[in-house]
Amino acid sequence: MSIQTIKLKKEHTHDSVKHPDGSEISVHQTDAEWLITNGIGDLVKTKKEAEASPDKDTKK
């Protein structure tokens, strides 16, 4: 099971630790999916992932 980094959009308690909004936490993939699905956080891309993905913000 892989570990994902999530940036919290709102305060959240994980493993009995309260994390304020804006915090980045590392969680198992299933927990990350739950946090994202429930609008609690967003996946943080690694530098390598960000460089590999095409830039959606193209200006003409």
Protein backbone atom coordinates (compact mmCIF):
# COMPACT_ATOMS: atom_id res chain seq x y z
CA MET A 1 0.00 0.00 0.00
CA SER A 2 1.45 3.35 -1.01
CA ILE A 3 1.70 6.47 1.09
CA GLN A 4 0.14 9.69 -0.25
CA THR A 5 0.56 13.28 0.89
CA ILE A 6 -2.67 15.20 1.39
CA LYS A 7 -3.08 18.95 1.95
CA LEU A 8 -6.04 19.49 4.25
CA LYS A 9 -8.78 21.94 3.23
CA LYS A 10 -10.24 21.88 6.72
CA GLU A 11 -9.26 20.81 10.22
CA HIS A 12 -9.11 17.03 10.55
CA THR A 13 -8.20 14.51 13.24
CA HIS A 14 -6.14 11.56 11.98
CA ASP A 15 -4.76 8.86 14.29
CA SER A 16 -5.94 10.90 17.30
CA VAL A 17 -3.92 13.95 16.19
CA LYS A 18 -5.75 17.17 15.29
CA HIS A 19 -4.33 18.81 12.16
CA PRO A 20 -5.31 22.39 11.18
CA ASP A 21 -6.46 23.27 7.67
CA GLY A 22 -3.55 23.79 5.29
CA SER A 23 -1.51 21.02 6.93
CA GLU A 24 0.09 18.33 4.81
CA ILE A 25 -0.20 14.81 6.17
CA SER A 26 1.06 11.47 4.86
CA VAL A 27 -1.52 8.70 4.84
CA HIS A 28 -2.14 5.32 3.24
CA GLN A 29 -3.72 5.43 -0.21
CA THR A 30 -7.14 4.26 1.05
CA ASP A 31 -7.21 7.04 3.67
CA ALA A 32 -6.12 9.56 1.02
CA GLU A 33 -8.96 8.48 -1.26
CA TRP A 34 -11.45 8.89 1.61
CA LEU A 35 -10.14 12.37 2.48
CA ILE A 36 -10.34 13.50 -1.15
CA THR A 37 -13.79 11.96 -1.77
CA ASN A 38 -15.18 13.64 1.33
CA GLY A 39 -13.77 17.07 0.42
CA ILE A 40 -11.37 17.19 3.35
CA GLY A 41 -8.12 17.38 1.42
CA ASP A 42 -6.36 17.38 -1.94
CA LEU A 43 -3.58 15.15 -3.19
CA VAL A 44 -0.18 16.86 -3.18
CA LYS A 45 1.80 16.03 -6.29
CA THR A 46 5.46 15.28 -5.86
CA LYS A 47 7.90 17.44 -7.81
CA LYS A 48 8.47 14.51 -10.18
CA GLU A 49 4.70 14.07 -10.76
CA ALA A 50 4.20 17.79 -11.34
CA GLU A 51 6.99 17.89 -13.93
CA ALA A 52 5.60 14.82 -15.71
CA SER A 53 2.02 16.10 -16.02
CA PRO A 54 1.16 18.47 -18.87
CA ASP A 55 0.47 22.08 -17.93
CA LYS A 56 -3.26 22.74 -18.18
CA ASP A 57 -2.79 26.49 -17.96
CA THR A 58 -1.74 27.26 -21.52
CA LYS A 59 -2.08 30.86 -22.66
CA LYS A 60 -2.42 31.92 -26.29
